[in-house]
Amino acid sequence: DLETEFTHTNLKPIDGYSNIIQVFEGNQTYYFGMFGLYKVAHVQCAMGSISRASSIMTVSTALGKLKSKIVIMVGIAFGVDEKKQKIGDVFVAESVIPYNIKRVSKDKDISRGIETQSSQILLNRFKNIKNWEHTTIQDKKSEIIFTRLLSGEELVDNLEHRNSLIAQYPDSKGGEMEGAGVYSACGSKIDCILVKGICDFADGEKGK
């Protein structure tokens, strides 16, 4: 709900309309407006990638109704390095790694998740942003961090578990819960990318 609230503060009415358009369609609610120069449809999913109202179902349903050219997943993610990262820095996913898909054997776990690349054209546009001037709540400059982003069904808030994940995927600088579903729903037909702000460090202090 918080992500939706702040997304809508940045939406403007489409020419000819006085407000953002709200449309009820099946189990979904869509909001239509202008984000910068572009007409967008915003739809909110539930937490995670694989439940009934999760990202894979929400995006699949939306793409069946809309002629969208791109999908951008926004929201929040956890960081993994309190010294080099800060609350309010923004991850842009170079790829998404579904880390929950694995073989659990007697001696070790073996990952079987297939890493999915982000849209190369969208990644290029984000890497060439020249006027990024956003600040964090502490009035520090928000940084854009490009990374392979972990995606799983767990709400990670345990330092030992976080460090275990990063030991398996040392190139990753953070993680979240919906990206794997979004990338699966878009497949190879729709350009998509994941853009999320750091909200915590998965270290047991999420409540603060």
C-alpha atoms as a PDB file:
ATOM      1  CA  ASP A   1       0.000   0.000   0.000  1.00  0.00           C
ATOM      2  CA  LEU A   2       2.846   2.385   0.776  1.00  0.00           C
ATOM      3  CA  GLU A   3       4.437   1.851  -2.635  1.00  0.00           C
ATOM      4  CA  THR A   4       1.073   2.537  -4.290  1.00  0.00           C
ATOM      5  CA  GLU A   5       0.576   5.723  -2.299  1.00  0.00           C
ATOM      6  CA  PHE A   6       3.901   7.179  -3.356  1.00  0.00           C
ATOM      7  CA  THR A   7       3.614   5.973  -6.939  1.00  0.00           C
ATOM      8  CA  HIS A   8       0.330   7.836  -7.261  1.00  0.00           C
ATOM      9  CA  THR A   9       1.854  11.075  -5.970  1.00  0.00           C
ATOM     10  CA  ASN A  10       3.982  11.012  -9.129  1.00  0.00           C
ATOM     11  CA  LEU A  11       1.179  10.192 -11.571  1.00  0.00           C
ATOM     12  CA  LYS A  12      -0.526  13.004 -13.481  1.00  0.00           C
ATOM     13  CA  PRO A  13      -3.866  12.836 -15.322  1.00  0.00           C
ATOM     14  CA  ILE A  14      -3.838  11.909 -18.989  1.00  0.00           C
ATOM     15  CA  ASP A  15      -4.659  14.847 -21.269  1.00  0.00           C
ATOM     16  CA  GLY A  16      -8.397  15.419 -21.272  1.00  0.00           C
ATOM     17  CA  TYR A  17      -8.944  14.012 -17.781  1.00  0.00           C
ATOM     18  CA  SER A  18      -8.940  15.814 -14.452  1.00  0.00           C
ATOM     19  CA  ASN A  19      -7.807  12.864 -12.320  1.00  0.00           C
ATOM     20  CA  ILE A  20      -6.027   9.527 -12.491  1.00  0.00           C
ATOM     21  CA  ILE A  21      -8.405   6.968 -14.015  1.00  0.00           C
ATOM     22  CA  GLN A  22      -9.419   4.019 -11.831  1.00  0.00           C
ATOM     23  CA  VAL A  23     -10.739   0.894 -13.553  1.00  0.00           C
ATOM     24  CA  PHE A  24     -12.039  -2.293 -11.926  1.00  0.00           C
ATOM     25  CA  GLU A  25     -11.449  -5.372 -14.088  1.00  0.00           C
ATOM     26  CA  GLY A  26     -11.999  -8.847 -12.658  1.00  0.00           C
ATOM     27  CA  ASN A  27      -9.963  -9.249  -9.490  1.00  0.00           C
ATOM     28  CA  GLN A  28      -7.676  -6.343 -10.373  1.00  0.00           C
ATOM     29  CA  THR A  29      -7.819  -2.566 -10.039  1.00  0.00           C
ATOM     30  CA  TYR A  30      -5.894  -0.513 -12.587  1.00  0.00           C
ATOM     31  CA  TYR A  31      -4.847   3.134 -12.410  1.00  0.00           C
ATOM     32  CA  PHE A  32      -4.092   5.030 -15.618  1.00  0.00           C
ATOM     33  CA  GLY A  33      -2.101   8.242 -15.743  1.00  0.00           C
ATOM     34  CA  MET A  34       1.044   9.956 -16.981  1.00  0.00           C
ATOM     35  CA  PHE A  35       4.422   9.158 -15.435  1.00  0.00           C
ATOM     36  CA  GLY A  36       6.760  11.764 -16.872  1.00  0.00           C
ATOM     37  CA  LEU A  37       6.197  11.644 -20.630  1.00  0.00           C
ATOM     38  CA  TYR A  38       4.604   8.212 -20.696  1.00  0.00           C
ATOM     39  CA  LYS A  39       1.106   6.805 -20.325  1.00  0.00           C
ATOM     40  CA  VAL A  40       1.178   4.096 -17.671  1.00  0.00           C
ATOM     41  CA  ALA A  41      -1.129   1.572 -16.097  1.00  0.00           C
ATOM     42  CA  HIS A  42      -0.386   0.839 -12.459  1.00  0.00           C
ATOM     43  CA  VAL A  43      -1.541  -2.371 -10.779  1.00  0.00           C
ATOM     44  CA  GLN A  44      -0.644  -3.567  -7.285  1.00  0.00           C
ATOM     45  CA  CYS A  45       0.280  -7.156  -6.479  1.00  0.00           C
ATOM     46  CA  ALA A  46       0.482  -8.973  -3.174  1.00  0.00           C
ATOM     47  CA  MET A  47       3.785  -9.946  -1.570  1.00  0.00           C
ATOM     48  CA  GLY A  48       5.830 -12.643  -3.290  1.00  0.00           C
ATOM     49  CA  SER A  49       5.885 -14.263  -6.717  1.00  0.00           C
ATOM     50  CA  ILE A  50       3.738 -17.403  -6.620  1.00  0.00           C
ATOM     51  CA  SER A  51       0.548 -16.906  -4.574  1.00  0.00           C
ATOM     52  CA  ARG A  52      -2.866 -16.139  -6.133  1.00  0.00           C
ATOM     53  CA  ALA A  53      -2.448 -12.354  -5.956  1.00  0.00           C
ATOM     54  CA  SER A  54       1.334 -12.331  -6.310  1.00  0.00           C
ATOM     55  CA  SER A  55       3.454 -10.755  -9.013  1.00  0.00           C
ATOM     56  CA  ILE A  56       3.329 -13.585 -11.566  1.00  0.00           C
ATOM     57  CA  MET A  57      -0.481 -13.756 -11.545  1.00  0.00           C
ATOM     58  CA  THR A  58      -0.985  -9.990 -11.368  1.00  0.00           C
ATOM     59  CA  VAL A  59       1.383  -9.206 -14.245  1.00  0.00           C
ATOM     60  CA  SER A  60       0.180 -12.125 -16.388  1.00  0.00           C
ATOM     61  CA  THR A  61      -3.434 -10.991 -15.994  1.00  0.00           C
ATOM     62  CA  ALA A  62      -2.553  -7.360 -16.685  1.00  0.00           C
ATOM     63  CA  LEU A  63      -0.614  -8.211 -19.843  1.00  0.00           C
ATOM     64  CA  GLY A  64      -3.610 -10.182 -21.059  1.00  0.00           C
ATOM     65  CA  LYS A  65      -5.711  -7.005 -20.842  1.00  0.00           C
ATOM     66  CA  LEU A  66      -3.251  -4.270 -21.761  1.00  0.00           C
ATOM     67  CA  LYS A  67      -1.001  -3.607 -24.755  1.00  0.00           C
ATOM     68  CA  SER A  68       1.959  -2.697 -22.587  1.00  0.00           C
ATOM     69  CA  LYS A  69       5.345  -2.188 -24.192  1.00  0.00           C
ATOM     70  CA  ILE A  70       7.348  -2.445 -20.968  1.00  0.00           C
ATOM     71  CA  VAL A  71       6.902  -3.503 -17.348  1.00  0.00           C
ATOM     72  CA  ILE A  72       8.741  -1.824 -14.478  1.00  0.00           C
ATOM     73  CA  MET A  73       8.457  -3.438 -11.050  1.00  0.00           C
ATOM     74  CA  VAL A  74       8.919  -0.869  -8.292  1.00  0.00           C
ATOM     75  CA  GLY A  75       8.971  -1.352  -4.540  1.00  0.00           C
ATOM     76  CA  ILE A  76      11.362  -2.108  -1.703  1.00  0.00           C
ATOM     77  CA  ALA A  77      14.283  -4.501  -1.233  1.00  0.00           C
ATOM     78  CA  PHE A  78      16.893  -5.431   1.353  1.00  0.00           C
ATOM     79  CA  GLY A  79      20.521  -4.422   1.153  1.00  0.00           C
ATOM     80  CA  VAL A  80      23.459  -6.505   2.359  1.00  0.00           C
ATOM     81  CA  ASP A  81      26.232  -4.038   3.210  1.00  0.00           C
ATOM     82  CA  GLU A  82      25.496  -1.351   5.810  1.00  0.00           C
ATOM     83  CA  LYS A  83      28.899   0.276   5.193  1.00  0.00           C
ATOM     84  CA  LYS A  84      28.601   0.698   1.429  1.00  0.00           C
ATOM     85  CA  GLN A  85      24.808   1.016   1.121  1.00  0.00           C
ATOM     86  CA  LYS A  86      22.198   3.149   2.846  1.00  0.00           C
ATOM     87  CA  ILE A  87      18.441   3.269   3.257  1.00  0.00           C
ATOM     88  CA  GLY A  88      17.061   5.004   0.171  1.00  0.00           C
ATOM     89  CA  ASP A  89      19.665   3.840  -2.325  1.00  0.00           C
ATOM     90  CA  VAL A  90      18.014   2.287  -5.373  1.00  0.00           C
ATOM     91  CA  PHE A  91      18.672  -1.105  -6.920  1.00  0.00           C
ATOM     92  CA  VAL A  92      18.294  -1.529 -10.668  1.00  0.00           C
ATOM     93  CA  ALA A  93      18.396  -5.227 -11.485  1.00  0.00           C
ATOM     94  CA  GLU A  94      20.839  -6.353 -14.156  1.00  0.00           C
ATOM     95  CA  SER A  95      19.238  -9.759 -13.665  1.00  0.00           C
ATOM     96  CA  VAL A  96      17.006 -11.594 -11.211  1.00  0.00           C
ATOM     97  CA  ILE A  97      18.049 -14.816  -9.463  1.00  0.00           C
ATOM     98  CA  PRO A  98      15.218 -17.006  -8.034  1.00  0.00           C
ATOM     99  CA  TYR A  99      17.181 -18.445  -5.121  1.00  0.00           C
ATOM    100  CA  ASN A 100      14.378 -20.579  -3.576  1.00  0.00           C
ATOM    101  CA  ILE A 101      14.491 -23.045  -6.481  1.00  0.00           C
ATOM    102  CA  LYS A 102      17.048 -25.588  -5.344  1.00  0.00           C
ATOM    103  CA  ARG A 103      17.859 -29.198  -4.614  1.00  0.00           C
ATOM    104  CA  VAL A 104      18.183 -29.845  -0.886  1.00  0.00           C
ATOM    105  CA  SER A 105      20.544 -32.769  -0.384  1.00  0.00           C
ATOM    106  CA  LYS A 106      22.200 -34.326   2.659  1.00  0.00           C
ATOM    107  CA  ASP A 107      25.400 -32.321   2.488  1.00  0.00           C
ATOM    108  CA  LYS A 108      24.448 -29.091   0.728  1.00  0.00           C
ATOM    109  CA  ASP A 109      21.837 -27.176  -1.222  1.00  0.00           C
ATOM    110  CA  ILE A 110      22.246 -26.902  -4.988  1.00  0.00           C
ATOM    111  CA  SER A 111      20.641 -23.938  -6.734  1.00  0.00           C
ATOM    112  CA  ARG A 112      18.455 -24.761  -9.734  1.00  0.00           C
ATOM    113  CA  GLY A 113      16.926 -21.351 -10.292  1.00  0.00           C
ATOM    114  CA  ILE A 114      17.464 -19.940 -13.761  1.00  0.00           C
ATOM    115  CA  GLU A 115      18.853 -16.406 -13.655  1.00  0.00           C
ATOM    116  CA  THR A 116      16.857 -14.079 -15.920  1.00  0.00           C
ATOM    117  CA  GLN A 117      18.382 -11.024 -17.564  1.00  0.00           C
ATOM    118  CA  SER A 118      16.689  -7.643 -17.459  1.00  0.00           C
ATOM    119  CA  SER A 119      15.706  -5.891 -20.675  1.00  0.00           C
ATOM    120  CA  GLN A 120      18.911  -4.625 -22.241  1.00  0.00           C
ATOM    121  CA  ILE A 121      17.302  -1.484 -23.636  1.00  0.00           C
ATOM    122  CA  LEU A 122      15.782  -0.551 -20.253  1.00  0.00           C
ATOM    123  CA  LEU A 123      19.024  -1.336 -18.448  1.00  0.00           C
ATOM    124  CA  ASN A 124      20.883   0.869 -20.909  1.00  0.00           C
ATOM    125  CA  ARG A 125      18.502   3.772 -20.301  1.00  0.00           C
ATOM    126  CA  PHE A 126      18.881   3.519 -16.530  1.00  0.00           C
ATOM    127  CA  LYS A 127      22.670   3.349 -16.812  1.00  0.00           C
ATOM    128  CA  ASN A 128      22.619   6.553 -18.856  1.00  0.00           C
ATOM    129  CA  ILE A 129      20.543   8.665 -16.469  1.00  0.00           C
ATOM    130  CA  LYS A 130      22.376  11.984 -16.147  1.00  0.00           C
ATOM    131  CA  ASN A 131      20.080  13.988 -13.865  1.00  0.00           C
ATOM    132  CA  TRP A 132      19.613  11.683 -10.852  1.00  0.00           C
ATOM    133  CA  GLU A 133      19.225  14.093  -7.921  1.00  0.00           C
ATOM    134  CA  HIS A 134      17.215  12.172  -5.338  1.00  0.00           C
ATOM    135  CA  THR A 135      18.024  12.221  -1.622  1.00  0.00           C
ATOM    136  CA  THR A 136      17.387   9.850   1.267  1.00  0.00           C
ATOM    137  CA  ILE A 137      15.409  10.675   4.409  1.00  0.00           C
ATOM    138  CA  GLN A 138      18.737  11.648   6.031  1.00  0.00           C
ATOM    139  CA  ASP A 139      19.218  14.174   3.214  1.00  0.00           C
ATOM    140  CA  LYS A 140      22.073  12.170   1.714  1.00  0.00           C
ATOM    141  CA  LYS A 141      22.363  11.530  -2.004  1.00  0.00           C
ATOM    142  CA  SER A 142      20.549   8.395  -3.099  1.00  0.00           C
ATOM    143  CA  GLU A 143      22.778   6.192  -5.231  1.00  0.00           C
ATOM    144  CA  ILE A 144      21.733   3.887  -8.087  1.00  0.00           C
ATOM    145  CA  ILE A 145      23.172   0.399  -7.590  1.00  0.00           C
ATOM    146  CA  PHE A 146      23.215  -1.996 -10.559  1.00  0.00           C
ATOM    147  CA  THR A 147      23.306  -5.623  -9.468  1.00  0.00           C
ATOM    148  CA  ARG A 148      22.172  -9.205  -9.875  1.00  0.00           C
ATOM    149  CA  LEU A 149      19.205  -9.150  -7.498  1.00  0.00           C
ATOM    150  CA  LEU A 150      18.079 -12.140  -5.452  1.00  0.00           C
ATOM    151  CA  SER A 151      14.361 -12.960  -5.485  1.00  0.00           C
ATOM    152  CA  GLY A 152      12.640 -15.389  -3.122  1.00  0.00           C
ATOM    153  CA  GLU A 153       9.455 -16.086  -1.209  1.00  0.00           C
ATOM    154  CA  GLU A 154      11.046 -15.338   2.163  1.00  0.00           C
ATOM    155  CA  LEU A 155      10.720 -12.052   4.024  1.00  0.00           C
ATOM    156  CA  VAL A 156      14.357 -12.106   5.102  1.00  0.00           C
ATOM    157  CA  ASP A 157      15.039 -10.436   8.453  1.00  0.00           C
ATOM    158  CA  ASN A 158      17.808 -12.594   9.869  1.00  0.00           C
ATOM    159  CA  LEU A 159      21.474 -11.666   9.619  1.00  0.00           C
ATOM    160  CA  GLU A 160      22.761 -15.240   9.579  1.00  0.00           C
ATOM    161  CA  HIS A 161      20.378 -16.260   6.802  1.00  0.00           C
ATOM    162  CA  ARG A 162      21.153 -13.094   4.809  1.00  0.00           C
ATOM    163  CA  ASN A 163      24.882 -13.783   5.032  1.00  0.00           C
ATOM    164  CA  SER A 164      24.294 -17.380   3.969  1.00  0.00           C
ATOM    165  CA  LEU A 165      22.478 -16.180   0.850  1.00  0.00           C
ATOM    166  CA  ILE A 166      25.230 -13.737  -0.026  1.00  0.00           C
ATOM    167  CA  ALA A 167      27.846 -16.454   0.488  1.00  0.00           C
ATOM    168  CA  GLN A 168      26.042 -18.433  -2.219  1.00  0.00           C
ATOM    169  CA  TYR A 169      25.650 -15.406  -4.503  1.00  0.00           C
ATOM    170  CA  PRO A 170      28.580 -13.083  -3.668  1.00  0.00           C
ATOM    171  CA  ASP A 171      27.967 -10.845  -6.700  1.00  0.00           C
ATOM    172  CA  SER A 172      24.488  -9.897  -5.501  1.00  0.00           C
ATOM    173  CA  LYS A 173      24.054  -6.693  -3.529  1.00  0.00           C
ATOM    174  CA  GLY A 174      20.479  -7.245  -2.348  1.00  0.00           C
ATOM    175  CA  GLY A 175      17.231  -9.142  -2.558  1.00  0.00           C
ATOM    176  CA  GLU A 176      13.461  -8.919  -2.704  1.00  0.00           C
ATOM    177  CA  MET A 177      10.316 -11.034  -3.203  1.00  0.00           C
ATOM    178  CA  GLU A 178       8.482 -10.273  -6.459  1.00  0.00           C
ATOM    179  CA  GLY A 179      11.027 -10.037  -9.259  1.00  0.00           C
ATOM    180  CA  ALA A 180      11.113 -13.703 -10.235  1.00  0.00           C
ATOM    181  CA  GLY A 181       7.352 -13.686 -10.844  1.00  0.00           C
ATOM    182  CA  VAL A 182       7.456 -10.490 -12.898  1.00  0.00           C
ATOM    183  CA  TYR A 183      10.242 -11.752 -15.151  1.00  0.00           C
ATOM    184  CA  SER A 184       8.472 -15.097 -15.607  1.00  0.00           C
ATOM    185  CA  ALA A 185       5.216 -13.370 -16.570  1.00  0.00           C
ATOM    186  CA  CYS A 186       6.941 -11.109 -19.100  1.00  0.00           C
ATOM    187  CA  GLY A 187       9.067 -13.886 -20.593  1.00  0.00           C
ATOM    188  CA  SER A 188      10.849 -12.915 -23.789  1.00  0.00           C
ATOM    189  CA  LYS A 189       7.925 -10.919 -25.203  1.00  0.00           C
ATOM    190  CA  ILE A 190       7.809  -7.860 -22.918  1.00  0.00           C
ATOM    191  CA  ASP A 191      10.766  -5.702 -21.899  1.00  0.00           C
ATOM    192  CA  CYS A 192      10.904  -5.594 -18.107  1.00  0.00           C
ATOM    193  CA  ILE A 193      13.155  -4.391 -15.321  1.00  0.00           C
ATOM    194  CA  LEU A 194      13.069  -4.258 -11.541  1.00  0.00           C
ATOM    195  CA  VAL A 195      13.765  -0.991  -9.685  1.00  0.00           C
ATOM    196  CA  LYS A 196      13.569  -1.019  -5.882  1.00  0.00           C
ATOM    197  CA  GLY A 197      14.712   1.118  -2.973  1.00  0.00           C
ATOM    198  CA  ILE A 198      16.641  -0.274  -0.006  1.00  0.00           C
ATOM    199  CA  CYS A 199      14.348  -0.314   3.042  1.00  0.00           C
ATOM    200  CA  ASP A 200      16.457  -2.435   5.436  1.00  0.00           C
ATOM    201  CA  PHE A 201      19.430  -4.798   5.647  1.00  0.00           C
ATOM    202  CA  ALA A 202      17.659  -8.080   6.525  1.00  0.00           C
ATOM    203  CA  ASP A 203      19.520  -8.088   9.843  1.00  0.00           C
ATOM    204  CA  GLY A 204      16.690  -8.501  12.365  1.00  0.00           C
ATOM    205  CA  GLU A 205      16.089  -4.751  12.616  1.00  0.00           C
ATOM    206  CA  LYS A 206      13.323  -4.455  10.015  1.00  0.00           C
ATOM    207  CA  GLY A 207      10.821  -3.277  12.628  1.00  0.00           C
ATOM    208  CA  LYS A 208      12.956  -0.204  13.279  1.00  0.00           C
END
